[in-house]
């Protein structure tokens, strides 16, 4: 993930298209808003399993990806440190995925 991807997460947050934190991500999934779920490198395996299970349970098409950056590093782009975020806009999600892939 590049600085560009972190910047995009910050922009998505400012635009109201990002849910940050465990409970907010679960709520976004339940409301069928989540397009992309991003897990920090140091987020627990339990959280990853829970998010994947919830995606399946909610019959969501949201993609779950783990990135190389820690909660603290993601927190620099957002107002607080979090281990999981949900991008709730298809355009932002595709731009973030592209930035992650370009690495």
N, C-alpha and C. Protein backbone atom coordinates (compact mmCIF):
# COMPACT_ATOMS: atom_id res chain seq x y z
N UNK A 1 0.85 -1.18 0.00
CA UNK A 1 0.00 0.00 0.00
C UNK A 1 0.89 1.23 0.00
N UNK A 2 0.58 2.11 -0.85
CA UNK A 2 1.39 3.32 -0.98
C UNK A 2 0.78 4.47 -0.20
N UNK A 3 1.50 5.57 -0.15
CA UNK A 3 0.97 6.77 0.47
C UNK A 3 -0.30 7.21 -0.24
N UNK A 4 -0.39 6.92 -1.54
CA UNK A 4 -1.58 7.26 -2.31
C UNK A 4 -2.81 6.54 -1.74
N UNK A 5 -2.66 5.28 -1.42
CA UNK A 5 -3.78 4.51 -0.87
C UNK A 5 -4.19 5.06 0.49
N UNK A 6 -3.21 5.41 1.32
CA UNK A 6 -3.52 5.99 2.62
C UNK A 6 -4.24 7.32 2.45
N UNK A 7 -3.81 8.11 1.48
CA UNK A 7 -4.47 9.38 1.19
C UNK A 7 -5.91 9.16 0.75
N UNK A 8 -6.12 8.14 -0.08
CA UNK A 8 -7.47 7.82 -0.53
C UNK A 8 -8.37 7.41 0.63
N UNK A 9 -7.81 6.68 1.60
CA UNK A 9 -8.59 6.32 2.78
C UNK A 9 -8.99 7.57 3.55
N UNK A 10 -8.05 8.51 3.68
CA UNK A 10 -8.35 9.77 4.35
C UNK A 10 -9.44 10.55 3.63
N UNK A 11 -9.35 10.59 2.30
CA UNK A 11 -10.38 11.28 1.51
C UNK A 11 -11.74 10.60 1.65
N UNK A 12 -11.74 9.28 1.63
CA UNK A 12 -13.00 8.54 1.79
C UNK A 12 -13.62 8.83 3.15
N UNK A 13 -12.78 8.92 4.17
CA UNK A 13 -13.28 9.24 5.51
C UNK A 13 -13.92 10.63 5.52
N UNK A 14 -13.24 11.60 4.93
CA UNK A 14 -13.76 12.97 4.88
C UNK A 14 -15.06 13.05 4.07
N UNK A 15 -15.18 12.20 3.06
CA UNK A 15 -16.37 12.18 2.20
C UNK A 15 -17.51 11.38 2.82
N UNK A 16 -17.26 10.76 3.97
CA UNK A 16 -18.29 9.96 4.61
C UNK A 16 -18.50 8.61 3.96
N UNK A 17 -17.49 8.13 3.24
CA UNK A 17 -17.58 6.86 2.52
C UNK A 17 -16.72 5.78 3.15
N UNK A 18 -16.35 5.95 4.42
CA UNK A 18 -15.48 5.00 5.10
C UNK A 18 -16.01 4.76 6.51
N UNK A 19 -16.06 3.50 6.91
CA UNK A 19 -16.41 3.13 8.28
C UNK A 19 -15.13 2.61 8.92
N UNK A 20 -14.78 3.15 10.08
CA UNK A 20 -13.53 2.77 10.74
C UNK A 20 -13.81 2.13 12.08
N UNK A 21 -13.20 0.98 12.29
CA UNK A 21 -13.36 0.26 13.55
C UNK A 21 -14.29 -0.94 13.40
N UNK A 22 -14.11 -1.87 14.30
CA UNK A 22 -14.82 -3.15 14.27
C UNK A 22 -16.34 -2.99 14.17
N UNK A 23 -16.93 -2.29 15.12
CA UNK A 23 -18.39 -2.17 15.15
C UNK A 23 -18.94 -1.40 13.95
N UNK A 24 -18.24 -0.35 13.54
CA UNK A 24 -18.68 0.44 12.39
C UNK A 24 -18.63 -0.38 11.11
N UNK A 25 -17.62 -1.24 10.97
CA UNK A 25 -17.51 -2.10 9.78
C UNK A 25 -18.63 -3.14 9.77
N UNK A 26 -18.92 -3.72 10.93
CA UNK A 26 -20.02 -4.69 11.00
C UNK A 26 -21.34 -4.02 10.64
N UNK A 27 -21.54 -2.80 11.11
CA UNK A 27 -22.77 -2.06 10.78
C UNK A 27 -22.86 -1.78 9.28
N UNK A 28 -21.73 -1.40 8.67
CA UNK A 28 -21.71 -1.15 7.22
C UNK A 28 -22.06 -2.42 6.45
N UNK A 29 -21.55 -3.56 6.91
CA UNK A 29 -21.87 -4.83 6.26
C UNK A 29 -23.36 -5.14 6.40
N UNK A 30 -23.90 -4.95 7.59
CA UNK A 30 -25.31 -5.25 7.82
C UNK A 30 -26.22 -4.34 7.01
N UNK A 31 -25.78 -3.12 6.77
CA UNK A 31 -26.58 -2.17 5.98
C UNK A 31 -26.30 -2.27 4.48
N UNK A 32 -25.49 -3.26 4.11
CA UNK A 32 -25.15 -3.52 2.70
C UNK A 32 -24.43 -2.34 2.04
N UNK A 33 -23.62 -1.63 2.80
CA UNK A 33 -22.88 -0.49 2.26
C UNK A 33 -21.43 -0.84 1.93
N UNK A 34 -20.88 -1.83 2.58
CA UNK A 34 -19.47 -2.15 2.46
C UNK A 34 -19.12 -2.73 1.10
N UNK A 35 -18.04 -2.19 0.50
CA UNK A 35 -17.55 -2.68 -0.79
C UNK A 35 -16.19 -3.35 -0.60
N UNK A 36 -15.38 -2.78 0.28
CA UNK A 36 -14.02 -3.28 0.51
C UNK A 36 -13.71 -3.18 2.00
N UNK A 37 -13.24 -4.28 2.58
CA UNK A 37 -12.84 -4.30 3.99
C UNK A 37 -11.33 -4.47 4.03
N UNK A 38 -10.67 -3.54 4.72
CA UNK A 38 -9.21 -3.55 4.81
C UNK A 38 -8.81 -3.84 6.24
N UNK A 39 -7.94 -4.85 6.39
CA UNK A 39 -7.42 -5.23 7.70
C UNK A 39 -5.96 -4.81 7.81
N UNK A 40 -5.60 -4.24 8.95
CA UNK A 40 -4.21 -3.86 9.19
C UNK A 40 -3.36 -5.11 9.37
N UNK A 41 -2.07 -4.97 9.14
CA UNK A 41 -1.14 -6.10 9.27
C UNK A 41 -1.17 -6.69 10.67
N UNK A 42 -1.38 -5.83 11.68
CA UNK A 42 -1.37 -6.31 13.06
C UNK A 42 -2.76 -6.53 13.63
N UNK A 43 -3.79 -6.54 12.79
CA UNK A 43 -5.13 -6.92 13.24
C UNK A 43 -5.12 -8.43 13.49
N UNK A 44 -5.88 -8.87 14.46
CA UNK A 44 -5.84 -10.28 14.84
C UNK A 44 -6.47 -11.17 13.78
N UNK A 45 -6.05 -12.43 13.79
CA UNK A 45 -6.62 -13.42 12.89
C UNK A 45 -8.09 -13.63 13.21
N UNK A 46 -8.48 -13.47 14.47
CA UNK A 46 -9.87 -13.60 14.88
C UNK A 46 -10.74 -12.55 14.18
N UNK A 47 -10.24 -11.32 14.10
CA UNK A 47 -10.99 -10.25 13.44
C UNK A 47 -11.13 -10.57 11.95
N UNK A 48 -10.07 -11.08 11.34
CA UNK A 48 -10.14 -11.45 9.92
C UNK A 48 -11.19 -12.53 9.69
N UNK A 49 -11.17 -13.57 10.53
CA UNK A 49 -12.16 -14.65 10.40
C UNK A 49 -13.58 -14.11 10.59
N UNK A 50 -13.73 -13.23 11.57
CA UNK A 50 -15.05 -12.67 11.84
C UNK A 50 -15.56 -11.85 10.65
N UNK A 51 -14.70 -11.05 10.06
CA UNK A 51 -15.11 -10.22 8.92
C UNK A 51 -15.48 -11.10 7.72
N UNK A 52 -14.69 -12.11 7.45
CA UNK A 52 -14.98 -13.01 6.33
C UNK A 52 -16.29 -13.77 6.58
N UNK A 53 -16.49 -14.19 7.83
CA UNK A 53 -17.73 -14.90 8.18
C UNK A 53 -18.93 -13.97 8.01
N UNK A 54 -18.79 -12.73 8.45
CA UNK A 54 -19.90 -11.77 8.33
C UNK A 54 -20.20 -11.43 6.87
N UNK A 55 -19.17 -11.33 6.03
CA UNK A 55 -19.37 -11.09 4.60
C UNK A 55 -20.21 -12.22 4.02
N UNK A 56 -19.87 -13.45 4.36
CA UNK A 56 -20.62 -14.61 3.89
C UNK A 56 -22.04 -14.61 4.44
N UNK A 57 -22.17 -14.37 5.75
CA UNK A 57 -23.47 -14.38 6.41
C UNK A 57 -24.41 -13.32 5.82
N UNK A 58 -23.87 -12.15 5.53
CA UNK A 58 -24.68 -11.05 4.98
C UNK A 58 -24.86 -11.18 3.47
N UNK A 59 -24.29 -12.23 2.89
CA UNK A 59 -24.36 -12.44 1.45
C UNK A 59 -23.84 -11.21 0.70
N UNK A 60 -22.75 -10.67 1.21
CA UNK A 60 -22.17 -9.45 0.66
C UNK A 60 -21.11 -9.80 -0.39
N UNK A 61 -20.92 -8.88 -1.32
CA UNK A 61 -19.87 -9.06 -2.31
C UNK A 61 -18.60 -8.30 -1.90
N UNK A 62 -18.58 -7.79 -0.69
CA UNK A 62 -17.42 -7.05 -0.20
C UNK A 62 -16.17 -7.93 -0.21
N UNK A 63 -15.08 -7.34 -0.60
CA UNK A 63 -13.79 -8.03 -0.64
C UNK A 63 -13.05 -7.73 0.65
N UNK A 64 -12.42 -8.73 1.24
CA UNK A 64 -11.64 -8.56 2.47
C UNK A 64 -10.17 -8.71 2.11
N UNK A 65 -9.37 -7.68 2.41
CA UNK A 65 -7.93 -7.73 2.13
C UNK A 65 -7.14 -7.32 3.37
N UNK A 66 -6.01 -7.97 3.54
CA UNK A 66 -5.07 -7.61 4.60
C UNK A 66 -3.92 -6.86 3.94
N UNK A 67 -3.53 -5.75 4.53
CA UNK A 67 -2.46 -4.93 3.96
C UNK A 67 -1.22 -5.00 4.84
N UNK A 68 -0.13 -4.46 4.34
CA UNK A 68 1.15 -4.54 5.04
C UNK A 68 1.32 -3.47 6.12
N UNK A 69 0.40 -2.53 6.20
CA UNK A 69 0.54 -1.44 7.16
C UNK A 69 -0.17 -1.74 8.47
N UNK A 70 0.38 -1.21 9.56
CA UNK A 70 -0.14 -1.46 10.90
C UNK A 70 -1.30 -0.52 11.22
N UNK A 71 -1.93 -0.80 12.34
CA UNK A 71 -3.03 0.05 12.81
C UNK A 71 -2.56 1.50 12.99
N UNK A 72 -1.39 1.67 13.53
CA UNK A 72 -0.87 3.02 13.76
C UNK A 72 -0.64 3.75 12.43
N UNK A 73 -0.13 3.04 11.44
CA UNK A 73 0.12 3.66 10.14
C UNK A 73 -1.19 4.05 9.45
N UNK A 74 -2.19 3.20 9.54
CA UNK A 74 -3.50 3.55 9.00
C UNK A 74 -4.07 4.73 9.78
N UNK A 75 -3.85 4.72 11.07
CA UNK A 75 -4.34 5.79 11.93
C UNK A 75 -3.81 7.16 11.58
N UNK A 76 -2.65 7.22 10.96
CA UNK A 76 -2.11 8.51 10.54
C UNK A 76 -2.95 9.13 9.42
N UNK A 77 -3.58 8.29 8.60
CA UNK A 77 -4.42 8.78 7.51
C UNK A 77 -5.83 9.11 8.01
N UNK A 78 -6.20 8.53 9.14
CA UNK A 78 -7.54 8.73 9.71
C UNK A 78 -7.38 9.43 11.06
N UNK A 79 -8.46 9.87 11.63
CA UNK A 79 -8.32 10.56 12.91
C UNK A 79 -7.99 9.65 14.10
N UNK A 80 -8.07 8.33 13.93
CA UNK A 80 -7.77 7.44 15.05
C UNK A 80 -7.24 6.09 14.56
N UNK A 81 -6.56 5.40 15.46
CA UNK A 81 -5.95 4.11 15.16
C UNK A 81 -7.02 3.02 15.10
N UNK A 82 -7.05 2.30 13.99
CA UNK A 82 -8.02 1.21 13.82
C UNK A 82 -7.37 0.03 13.13
N UNK A 83 -7.92 -1.16 13.36
CA UNK A 83 -7.39 -2.36 12.73
C UNK A 83 -8.17 -2.80 11.51
N UNK A 84 -9.38 -2.26 11.37
CA UNK A 84 -10.22 -2.66 10.24
C UNK A 84 -11.04 -1.45 9.79
N UNK A 85 -11.12 -1.29 8.47
CA UNK A 85 -11.93 -0.21 7.89
C UNK A 85 -12.74 -0.79 6.72
N UNK A 86 -13.86 -0.14 6.46
CA UNK A 86 -14.71 -0.52 5.34
C UNK A 86 -14.85 0.66 4.41
N UNK A 87 -14.51 0.45 3.14
CA UNK A 87 -14.73 1.48 2.13
C UNK A 87 -16.13 1.23 1.58
N UNK A 88 -16.99 2.26 1.68
CA UNK A 88 -18.40 2.11 1.37
C UNK A 88 -18.81 2.78 0.06
N UNK A 89 -17.88 2.87 -0.86
CA UNK A 89 -18.14 3.48 -2.16
C UNK A 89 -17.32 2.72 -3.20
N UNK A 90 -17.97 2.30 -4.27
CA UNK A 90 -17.30 1.48 -5.29
C UNK A 90 -16.14 2.22 -5.95
N UNK A 91 -16.28 3.50 -6.21
CA UNK A 91 -15.20 4.26 -6.85
C UNK A 91 -13.98 4.36 -5.95
N UNK A 92 -14.20 4.71 -4.68
CA UNK A 92 -13.09 4.77 -3.73
C UNK A 92 -12.46 3.39 -3.57
N UNK A 93 -13.30 2.35 -3.49
CA UNK A 93 -12.79 0.99 -3.30
C UNK A 93 -11.89 0.57 -4.45
N UNK A 94 -12.31 0.83 -5.68
CA UNK A 94 -11.49 0.43 -6.82
C UNK A 94 -10.19 1.24 -6.86
N UNK A 95 -10.25 2.51 -6.51
CA UNK A 95 -9.04 3.33 -6.49
C UNK A 95 -8.06 2.85 -5.41
N UNK A 96 -8.59 2.50 -4.24
CA UNK A 96 -7.74 1.99 -3.15
C UNK A 96 -7.12 0.66 -3.55
N UNK A 97 -7.92 -0.25 -4.12
CA UNK A 97 -7.39 -1.54 -4.57
C UNK A 97 -6.30 -1.37 -5.60
N UNK A 98 -6.51 -0.45 -6.53
CA UNK A 98 -5.50 -0.20 -7.56
C UNK A 98 -4.21 0.32 -6.92
N UNK A 99 -4.33 1.21 -5.96
CA UNK A 99 -3.14 1.74 -5.28
C UNK A 99 -2.42 0.65 -4.49
N UNK A 100 -3.20 -0.25 -3.87
CA UNK A 100 -2.59 -1.36 -3.12
C UNK A 100 -1.83 -2.27 -4.08
N UNK A 101 -2.44 -2.61 -5.21
CA UNK A 101 -1.81 -3.49 -6.18
C UNK A 101 -0.54 -2.88 -6.79
N UNK A 102 -0.56 -1.56 -6.98
CA UNK A 102 0.62 -0.88 -7.53
C UNK A 102 1.75 -0.85 -6.52
N UNK A 103 1.38 -1.03 -5.26
CA UNK A 103 2.28 -1.18 -4.15
C UNK A 103 3.34 -0.22 -3.94
